[in-house]
Amino acid sequence: MRPPRLQISRRSVRRPSRRKPRLGRAVARRAVVPVQQARFRLRTFRKASIIAVALTGLLLLLLGPAEEALAQDGGVTATADAPADAPEESKRQVRPEEVAREASAEAERTVLGVRQGFFNALPKLTVVLGTLLLTWVVARGMRALLHRVLGRWSRAEASTALVSICVWLLGTGVAVSVLAGDIRAMLGSVGLVGLALSWALQTPIESFTGWLLNSFQGYYRVGDRVQVGDVFGDVYAIDFLSTTLWELGSADRPGAVHAEQPTGRLITFPNSEVLTGTVVNLTRDFPYVWDELLVPVANESDLRYALELLRTLAVEVVGQDMAGPAHEYEALLRKVRLETSVADAPEVYVSLADSWTNVTIRYLVHARQRRKWKSLLAERVMVELNQPAHAGRIIPVLPRQQVQFLGADGRPTDAPGRRA
């Protein structure tokens, strides 16, 4: 008789998992996102609450019942209520029907009071609408007049916007004072609403302030090549709240283009970056920039011969196009009393590296043509260095590795020591 076999189902036996629990960045981000969302919702609720309170106070001030109606309502209520020392015969138990009747009457009086307040304020509303219409006409007229007088002045748009804002503030103040009647109440309500709006619209206000500052100071204009914070490109459009750039590539930024050439993408950022970030303009007053080409050579090369050869090649490639901009750059520096010794030809400098020598060619080119001239110069240098005439005098840099053997006493030896 065969012994019974022990059958074990594969489903019932599970191998212990060898994976170790990981607490990566994804878990941390999932924990942080709900907290950020809750903070954003709380901030939005606070702003909305302040705006609602301010607008409610302004509406009650403008459309509330008149003081005479409130006084009459108070007198009727006082006579209708029984005094505290009335005889007990006059005090009787209040029935639910009477309570409902009094509540409906109170609601009706409230609606009638609001309607009466609206009818009383209707002439004021007509005057307010007329004032706002007149303000609109004056603002349009002033805008057209300033555009005709200022013409193509660089700060014309900002000046026109400031004049329009002043006209609208004056017209709105007159309209609200007419509607409120009391200048103190008007100032209080407008101040409360202005405080709430300034808190709720903080980012748009900062962006508009940045636009005004850029319009008067001229940090950048349409067509300039700028770098604002982490954004680098050519200015495409500037409006009241934001600026749009055609993005440029760079070796310091990840992307498909690793040089200063257009990537084809548009980047929009708020004008508030002008107030908090750094603005680098490459083409505002002087559209030329200094560029460098690094040529490494071996230490065994004839250094003076290499310097003279590279200087000659640089002058042949970019020397003719560099003389005019160099004199213009020198005149700009002389005007502001800065250093005026600007080279009108390419210069060559030497610096030491780990096991070779770096020869740097420095030249002045247009900011939008840096890659073009650098490519032409690099091509000319590489073709010339490969000529047989320079063999043995200019030695290229090759990957090198040096191995040194030490003996038992710690001194260098020619051959590796053997183990006993």
Protein backbone atom coordinates (compact mmCIF):
# COMPACT_ATOMS: atom_id res chain seq x y z
CA MET A 1 0.00 0.00 0.00
CA ARG A 2 1.40 3.35 -1.11
CA PRO A 3 1.70 6.14 1.47
CA PRO A 4 -0.64 9.08 0.83
CA ARG A 5 0.85 12.05 -0.99
CA LEU A 6 0.82 15.47 0.52
CA GLN A 7 -0.64 17.87 -2.06
CA ILE A 8 -0.14 21.55 -1.56
CA SER A 9 -2.02 24.03 -3.66
CA ARG A 10 0.07 26.73 -5.28
CA ARG A 11 -2.59 29.29 -4.54
CA SER A 12 -2.50 28.69 -0.82
CA VAL A 13 1.28 29.07 -0.53
CA ARG A 14 2.66 32.51 -1.17
CA ARG A 15 6.27 33.31 -1.27
CA PRO A 16 7.41 36.15 0.93
CA SER A 17 7.94 39.30 -1.02
CA ARG A 18 11.54 40.37 -1.37
CA ARG A 19 10.66 43.91 -2.17
CA LYS A 20 11.51 46.41 0.49
CA PRO A 21 9.10 49.18 1.26
CA ARG A 22 10.20 52.36 -0.38
CA LEU A 23 9.41 55.83 0.80
CA GLY A 24 10.33 57.93 -2.20
CA ARG A 25 9.63 61.39 -3.38
CA ALA A 26 6.28 60.38 -4.83
CA VAL A 27 4.90 59.54 -1.36
CA ALA A 28 6.18 62.81 0.05
CA ARG A 29 4.60 64.76 -2.80
CA ARG A 30 1.27 63.00 -2.29
CA ALA A 31 1.38 64.02 1.37
CA VAL A 32 2.25 67.63 0.59
CA VAL A 33 -0.30 68.22 -2.20
CA PRO A 34 -3.44 67.97 0.03
CA VAL A 35 -1.90 70.40 2.53
CA GLN A 36 -1.15 72.92 -0.22
CA GLN A 37 -4.65 72.57 -1.63
CA ALA A 38 -6.17 73.12 1.81
CA ARG A 39 -4.08 76.25 2.36
CA PHE A 40 -5.07 77.61 -1.04
CA ARG A 41 -8.77 76.98 -0.35
CA LEU A 42 -8.51 78.64 3.07
CA ARG A 43 -6.79 81.69 1.57
CA THR A 44 -9.43 81.92 -1.16
CA PHE A 45 -12.24 81.62 1.41
CA ARG A 46 -10.76 84.46 3.48
CA LYS A 47 -10.50 86.75 0.48
CA ALA A 48 -14.03 85.92 -0.66
CA SER A 49 -15.40 86.51 2.86
CA ILE A 50 -13.82 89.97 3.09
CA ILE A 51 -15.15 90.94 -0.33
CA ALA A 52 -18.63 89.68 0.56
CA VAL A 53 -18.69 91.62 3.84
CA ALA A 54 -17.47 94.79 2.14
CA LEU A 55 -20.01 94.60 -0.68
CA THR A 56 -22.83 93.78 1.73
CA GLY A 57 -22.00 96.80 3.86
CA LEU A 58 -21.90 99.02 0.77
CA LEU A 59 -25.29 97.72 -0.46
CA LEU A 60 -26.89 98.22 2.96
CA LEU A 61 -25.50 101.75 3.02
CA LEU A 62 -26.82 102.61 -0.44
CA LEU A 63 -30.13 100.71 -0.63
CA GLY A 64 -31.15 100.59 3.05
CA PRO A 65 -34.34 102.29 4.29
CA ALA A 66 -34.23 105.92 5.16
CA GLU A 67 -33.73 107.16 8.74
CA GLU A 68 -37.32 108.44 8.88
CA ALA A 69 -38.67 105.00 8.04
CA LEU A 70 -36.50 103.44 10.70
CA ALA A 71 -37.74 105.98 13.25
CA GLN A 72 -41.39 105.31 12.34
CA ASP A 73 -40.80 101.58 12.48
CA GLY A 74 -39.22 101.96 15.92
CA GLY A 75 -42.17 104.03 17.18
CA VAL A 76 -44.71 101.52 15.94
CA THR A 77 -42.81 98.68 17.52
CA ALA A 78 -42.57 100.51 20.82
CA THR A 79 -46.33 101.21 20.95
CA ALA A 80 -47.23 97.73 19.79
CA ASP A 81 -45.23 95.98 22.46
CA ALA A 82 -46.82 95.83 25.86
CA PRO A 83 -44.94 97.62 28.66
CA ALA A 84 -43.34 95.61 31.40
CA ASP A 85 -45.61 97.04 34.14
CA ALA A 86 -48.89 96.48 32.26
CA PRO A 87 -51.72 94.84 34.20
CA GLU A 88 -52.07 91.13 34.08
CA GLU A 89 -55.35 91.39 32.14
CA SER A 90 -53.49 92.82 29.16
CA LYS A 91 -50.98 90.01 29.23
CA ARG A 92 -52.29 87.00 27.43
CA GLN A 93 -50.76 83.92 25.94
CA VAL A 94 -49.39 84.39 22.42
CA ARG A 95 -50.72 81.90 19.90
CA PRO A 96 -48.67 80.34 17.02
CA GLU A 97 -50.99 81.93 14.44
CA GLU A 98 -50.20 85.39 15.82
CA VAL A 99 -46.47 84.68 15.76
CA ALA A 100 -46.64 83.63 12.10
CA ARG A 101 -48.76 86.69 11.29
CA GLU A 102 -46.28 89.03 12.98
CA ALA A 103 -43.34 87.35 11.20
CA SER A 104 -44.97 87.74 7.79
CA ALA A 105 -45.81 91.36 8.58
CA GLU A 106 -42.21 92.01 9.62
CA ALA A 107 -40.94 90.46 6.38
CA GLU A 108 -43.39 92.52 4.37
CA ARG A 109 -42.26 95.73 6.11
CA THR A 110 -38.63 94.84 5.38
CA VAL A 111 -39.32 94.27 1.68
CA LEU A 112 -41.34 97.49 1.49
CA GLY A 113 -38.52 99.35 3.24
CA VAL A 114 -35.91 98.06 0.76
CA ARG A 115 -38.17 98.90 -2.18
CA GLN A 116 -38.86 102.35 -0.81
CA GLY A 117 -35.13 102.87 -0.32
CA PHE A 118 -34.54 101.86 -3.93
CA PHE A 119 -37.18 104.29 -5.19
CA ASN A 120 -35.69 107.03 -3.03
CA ALA A 121 -32.26 106.33 -4.45
CA LEU A 122 -33.49 106.16 -8.06
CA PRO A 123 -32.73 109.86 -8.83
CA LYS A 124 -29.27 109.39 -7.35
CA LEU A 125 -28.76 106.31 -9.50
CA THR A 126 -29.63 108.35 -12.58
CA VAL A 127 -27.06 110.96 -11.64
CA VAL A 128 -24.49 108.23 -10.96
CA LEU A 129 -25.06 106.63 -14.36
CA GLY A 130 -24.73 110.01 -16.03
CA THR A 131 -21.50 110.67 -14.11
CA LEU A 132 -20.04 107.32 -15.15
CA LEU A 133 -21.03 107.91 -18.77
CA LEU A 134 -19.41 111.35 -18.71
CA THR A 135 -16.28 109.80 -17.15
CA TRP A 136 -16.11 107.24 -19.94
CA VAL A 137 -16.40 109.95 -22.59
CA VAL A 138 -13.71 112.09 -20.94
CA ALA A 139 -11.38 109.09 -20.58
CA ARG A 140 -11.76 108.17 -24.24
CA GLY A 141 -11.20 111.76 -25.31
CA MET A 142 -8.10 112.15 -23.15
CA ARG A 143 -6.74 108.85 -24.45
CA ALA A 144 -7.14 109.88 -28.09
CA LEU A 145 -5.66 113.34 -27.40
CA LEU A 146 -2.61 111.90 -25.62
CA HIS A 147 -2.01 109.37 -28.39
CA ARG A 148 -2.03 112.19 -30.94
CA VAL A 149 0.22 114.48 -28.86
CA LEU A 150 2.73 111.90 -27.63
CA GLY A 151 2.89 109.97 -30.89
CA ARG A 152 5.35 107.07 -30.84
CA TRP A 153 6.98 108.00 -27.56
CA SER A 154 8.13 104.88 -25.70
CA ARG A 155 6.28 105.89 -22.52
CA ALA A 156 3.09 107.05 -24.23
CA GLU A 157 1.09 103.91 -23.39
CA ALA A 158 1.98 104.07 -19.69
CA SER A 159 1.21 107.81 -19.45
CA THR A 160 -2.15 107.31 -21.17
CA ALA A 161 -3.02 104.46 -18.80
CA LEU A 162 -2.19 106.58 -15.74
CA VAL A 163 -4.32 109.49 -16.98
CA SER A 164 -7.24 107.13 -17.67
CA ILE A 165 -6.92 105.60 -14.18
CA CYS A 166 -6.94 109.06 -12.57
CA VAL A 167 -10.03 110.10 -14.56
CA TRP A 168 -11.88 106.93 -13.61
CA LEU A 169 -10.95 107.25 -9.94
CA LEU A 170 -12.21 110.83 -9.88
CA GLY A 171 -15.45 109.95 -11.68
CA THR A 172 -16.08 106.90 -9.50
CA GLY A 173 -15.45 108.92 -6.33
CA VAL A 174 -17.96 111.58 -7.42
CA ALA A 175 -20.54 108.92 -8.32
CA VAL A 176 -20.20 107.07 -5.01
CA SER A 177 -20.34 110.33 -3.02
CA VAL A 178 -23.55 111.29 -4.81
CA LEU A 179 -25.06 107.87 -4.19
CA ALA A 180 -24.04 107.63 -0.54
CA GLY A 181 -24.83 111.21 0.39
CA ASP A 182 -22.47 111.21 3.37
CA ILE A 183 -18.83 111.67 2.46
CA ARG A 184 -17.66 109.92 5.65
CA ALA A 185 -19.73 106.84 4.98
CA MET A 186 -18.56 106.88 1.37
CA LEU A 187 -14.92 107.00 2.39
CA GLY A 188 -15.38 104.20 4.91
CA SER A 189 -17.16 101.88 2.50
CA VAL A 190 -14.79 102.60 -0.39
CA GLY A 191 -11.80 102.07 1.90
CA LEU A 192 -13.16 98.73 3.07
CA VAL A 193 -13.89 97.57 -0.48
CA GLY A 194 -10.49 98.82 -1.67
CA LEU A 195 -8.73 96.95 1.14
CA ALA A 196 -10.54 93.74 0.29
CA LEU A 197 -9.86 94.08 -3.44
CA SER A 198 -6.19 94.92 -2.91
CA TRP A 199 -5.79 91.78 -0.81
CA ALA A 200 -7.72 89.57 -3.20
CA LEU A 201 -6.08 90.98 -6.36
CA GLN A 202 -2.54 91.27 -5.02
CA THR A 203 -0.87 89.43 -7.91
CA PRO A 204 -2.63 91.38 -10.72
CA ILE A 205 -1.85 94.66 -8.94
CA GLU A 206 1.83 93.72 -8.69
CA SER A 207 1.85 92.74 -12.37
CA PHE A 208 0.28 96.06 -13.37
CA THR A 209 2.83 97.91 -11.22
CA GLY A 210 5.60 95.96 -12.93
CA TRP A 211 4.20 96.97 -16.33
CA LEU A 212 4.15 100.65 -15.30
CA LEU A 213 7.70 100.43 -13.96
CA ASN A 214 8.94 98.72 -17.12
CA SER A 215 7.13 101.28 -19.30
CA PHE A 216 8.79 104.26 -17.59
CA GLN A 217 12.20 102.70 -16.89
CA GLY A 218 12.47 100.73 -20.13
CA TYR A 219 13.94 97.49 -18.81
CA TYR A 220 12.93 95.72 -22.04
CA ARG A 221 10.87 96.43 -25.15
CA VAL A 222 9.32 94.32 -27.89
CA GLY A 223 12.14 92.77 -29.91
CA ASP A 224 14.78 92.76 -27.14
CA ARG A 225 16.61 89.60 -26.17
CA VAL A 226 16.25 89.31 -22.41
CA GLN A 227 16.54 86.92 -19.51
CA VAL A 228 14.03 87.44 -16.70
CA GLY A 229 14.57 84.98 -13.88
CA ASP A 230 14.69 81.52 -15.50
CA VAL A 231 13.08 82.69 -18.77
CA PHE A 232 15.34 83.49 -21.75
CA GLY A 233 14.19 84.64 -25.18
CA ASP A 234 13.10 87.46 -27.48
CA VAL A 235 10.25 89.72 -26.30
CA TYR A 236 7.17 89.05 -28.43
CA ALA A 237 4.38 90.99 -26.66
CA ILE A 238 3.91 93.11 -23.54
CA ASP A 239 0.49 93.78 -22.00
CA PHE A 240 -0.76 95.13 -18.69
CA LEU A 241 -0.34 91.90 -16.71
CA SER A 242 2.07 89.62 -18.57
CA THR A 243 4.94 89.41 -21.05
CA THR A 244 5.37 86.82 -23.82
CA LEU A 245 8.76 85.63 -25.12
CA TRP A 246 9.97 83.46 -27.95
CA GLU A 247 12.07 80.96 -26.02
CA LEU A 248 15.78 80.52 -26.79
CA GLY A 249 17.82 77.45 -26.03
CA SER A 250 20.85 77.40 -23.76
CA ALA A 251 23.44 74.94 -22.56
CA ASP A 252 22.35 75.56 -18.96
CA ARG A 253 18.70 74.58 -19.59
CA PRO A 254 17.35 71.16 -20.51
CA GLY A 255 15.63 71.03 -23.87
CA ALA A 256 15.97 70.16 -27.53
CA VAL A 257 18.16 73.20 -28.36
CA HIS A 258 21.41 73.63 -26.43
CA ALA A 259 22.53 76.96 -27.89
CA GLU A 260 21.14 80.49 -28.18
CA GLN A 261 18.71 79.73 -30.99
CA PRO A 262 14.88 79.83 -31.03
CA THR A 263 13.11 76.70 -29.83
CA GLY A 264 9.75 77.68 -31.37
CA ARG A 265 7.94 77.85 -28.02
CA LEU A 266 6.20 80.85 -26.45
CA ILE A 267 6.64 81.55 -22.74
CA THR A 268 4.35 83.91 -20.81
CA PHE A 269 5.23 85.19 -17.34
CA PRO A 270 3.62 87.85 -15.09
CA ASN A 271 5.08 91.35 -15.07
CA SER A 272 5.56 91.05 -11.32
CA GLU A 273 8.84 89.24 -12.11
CA VAL A 274 10.28 92.69 -12.88
CA LEU A 275 9.81 93.65 -9.21
CA THR A 276 11.19 90.45 -7.68
CA GLY A 277 13.62 89.02 -10.26
CA THR A 278 16.68 90.03 -12.25
CA VAL A 279 16.32 91.43 -15.77
CA VAL A 280 19.21 90.83 -18.18
CA ASN A 281 18.89 92.68 -21.50
CA LEU A 282 21.34 91.72 -24.24
CA THR A 283 20.18 94.16 -26.95
CA ARG A 284 18.74 97.32 -25.35
CA ASP A 285 21.50 99.94 -25.61
CA PHE A 286 24.23 97.89 -27.28
CA PRO A 287 23.32 94.72 -29.24
CA TYR A 288 26.85 93.24 -29.18
CA VAL A 289 28.28 90.88 -26.55
CA TRP A 290 31.65 89.30 -25.84
CA ASP A 291 32.04 85.63 -26.72
CA GLU A 292 34.90 83.15 -26.27
CA LEU A 293 36.22 80.03 -27.99
CA LEU A 294 38.35 77.61 -25.96
CA VAL A 295 41.13 75.73 -27.80
CA PRO A 296 43.08 73.21 -25.63
CA VAL A 297 46.65 72.32 -26.66
CA ALA A 298 49.21 69.99 -25.13
CA ASN A 299 51.90 71.34 -22.84
CA GLU A 300 54.59 70.11 -25.25
CA SER A 301 53.33 72.49 -27.97
CA ASP A 302 55.07 75.65 -29.09
CA LEU A 303 52.87 78.03 -27.10
CA ARG A 304 53.95 81.29 -28.71
CA TYR A 305 53.53 79.86 -32.17
CA ALA A 306 50.04 78.59 -31.26
CA LEU A 307 49.00 81.98 -29.82
CA GLU A 308 50.12 83.87 -32.92
CA LEU A 309 48.41 81.41 -35.24
CA LEU A 310 45.09 81.49 -33.38
CA ARG A 311 45.15 85.30 -33.18
CA THR A 312 45.68 85.50 -36.94
CA LEU A 313 42.83 83.11 -37.63
CA ALA A 314 40.44 85.06 -35.35
CA VAL A 315 41.29 88.35 -37.06
CA GLU A 316 40.63 86.79 -40.47
CA VAL A 317 37.21 85.48 -39.40
CA VAL A 318 35.69 88.16 -37.12
CA GLY A 319 38.19 91.04 -37.11
CA GLN A 320 36.56 93.06 -39.85
CA ASP A 321 33.06 92.88 -38.30
CA MET A 322 34.38 93.66 -34.81
CA ALA A 323 36.11 97.02 -35.33
CA GLY A 324 32.95 99.18 -35.70
CA PRO A 325 31.05 97.76 -32.69
CA ALA A 326 34.20 98.02 -30.56
CA HIS A 327 34.48 101.80 -31.21
CA GLU A 328 30.76 102.23 -30.48
CA TYR A 329 31.15 100.28 -27.24
CA GLU A 330 34.11 102.46 -26.28
CA ALA A 331 32.05 105.63 -26.85
CA LEU A 332 29.26 104.32 -24.61
CA LEU A 333 31.73 103.52 -21.83
CA ARG A 334 33.38 106.93 -22.15
CA LYS A 335 29.99 108.64 -21.82
CA VAL A 336 29.37 107.05 -18.38
CA ARG A 337 33.04 107.41 -17.30
CA LEU A 338 33.89 103.72 -17.27
CA GLU A 339 36.84 101.85 -18.69
CA THR A 340 37.40 102.93 -22.30
CA SER A 341 40.17 100.54 -23.36
CA VAL A 342 38.13 98.30 -25.66
CA ALA A 343 40.05 96.08 -28.06
CA ASP A 344 39.05 96.49 -31.71
CA ALA A 345 40.48 93.08 -32.67
CA PRO A 346 40.18 89.56 -31.22
CA GLU A 347 42.41 88.83 -28.23
CA VAL A 348 44.00 85.56 -27.12
CA TYR A 349 44.50 84.49 -23.49
CA VAL A 350 46.20 81.52 -21.84
CA SER A 351 45.15 79.53 -18.78
CA LEU A 352 46.46 76.31 -17.24
CA ALA A 353 44.40 73.14 -16.86
CA ASP A 354 45.14 69.79 -15.19
CA SER A 355 47.51 68.41 -17.86
CA TRP A 356 47.18 70.78 -20.80
CA THR A 357 46.97 74.48 -21.67
CA ASN A 358 43.79 76.33 -22.64
CA VAL A 359 44.03 79.04 -25.28
CA THR A 360 40.95 81.32 -25.20
CA ILE A 361 39.98 83.50 -28.18
CA ARG A 362 37.84 86.49 -27.09
CA TYR A 363 35.90 88.51 -29.66
CA LEU A 364 32.88 90.85 -29.96
CA VAL A 365 29.85 89.73 -32.00
CA HIS A 366 26.15 90.51 -32.33
CA ALA A 367 24.01 88.93 -29.61
CA ARG A 368 21.77 87.20 -32.15
CA GLN A 369 24.71 85.72 -34.11
CA ARG A 370 26.84 84.17 -31.39
CA ARG A 371 26.44 80.59 -32.54
CA LYS A 372 27.05 81.50 -36.18
CA TRP A 373 30.40 83.22 -35.57
CA LYS A 374 31.51 80.64 -33.02
CA SER A 375 30.84 77.82 -35.45
CA LEU A 376 32.71 79.58 -38.27
CA LEU A 377 35.70 80.31 -36.03
CA ALA A 378 35.82 76.76 -34.65
CA GLU A 379 35.69 75.30 -38.15
CA ARG A 380 38.51 77.57 -39.33
CA VAL A 381 40.69 76.70 -36.33
CA MET A 382 40.20 72.92 -36.61
CA VAL A 383 40.93 72.90 -40.34
CA GLU A 384 44.10 74.94 -39.86
CA LEU A 385 45.44 72.90 -36.94
CA ASN A 386 45.20 69.72 -39.00
CA GLN A 387 47.53 71.09 -41.68
CA PRO A 388 50.88 69.27 -41.98
CA ALA A 389 52.77 72.56 -41.57
CA HIS A 390 51.84 72.70 -37.88
CA ALA A 391 52.63 69.09 -37.06
CA GLY A 392 54.99 68.81 -34.13
CA ARG A 393 54.57 72.47 -33.13
CA ILE A 394 50.89 72.45 -32.07
CA ILE A 395 50.07 69.11 -30.45
CA PRO A 396 46.38 68.37 -29.79
CA VAL A 397 45.19 67.23 -26.40
CA LEU A 398 44.56 63.49 -26.12
CA PRO A 399 43.13 61.55 -23.17
CA ARG A 400 45.98 60.73 -20.82
CA GLN A 401 46.32 58.45 -17.81
CA GLN A 402 49.37 58.22 -15.57
CA VAL A 403 50.05 55.19 -13.37
CA GLN A 404 52.71 55.33 -10.67
CA PHE A 405 53.97 52.34 -8.68
CA LEU A 406 55.13 52.69 -5.09
CA GLY A 407 57.44 50.32 -3.28
CA ALA A 408 57.19 48.97 0.25
CA ASP A 409 59.00 52.03 1.56
CA GLY A 410 56.51 54.36 -0.15
CA ARG A 411 58.91 55.53 -2.86
CA PRO A 412 58.15 55.41 -6.60
CA THR A 413 59.50 52.36 -8.47
CA ASP A 414 59.77 51.46 -12.14
CA ALA A 415 57.98 48.10 -11.84
CA PRO A 416 55.23 46.84 -9.53
CA GLY A 417 56.44 45.03 -6.41
CA ARG A 418 55.86 41.33 -6.04
CA ARG A 419 54.20 39.65 -3.11
CA ALA A 420 56.28 37.28 -1.03
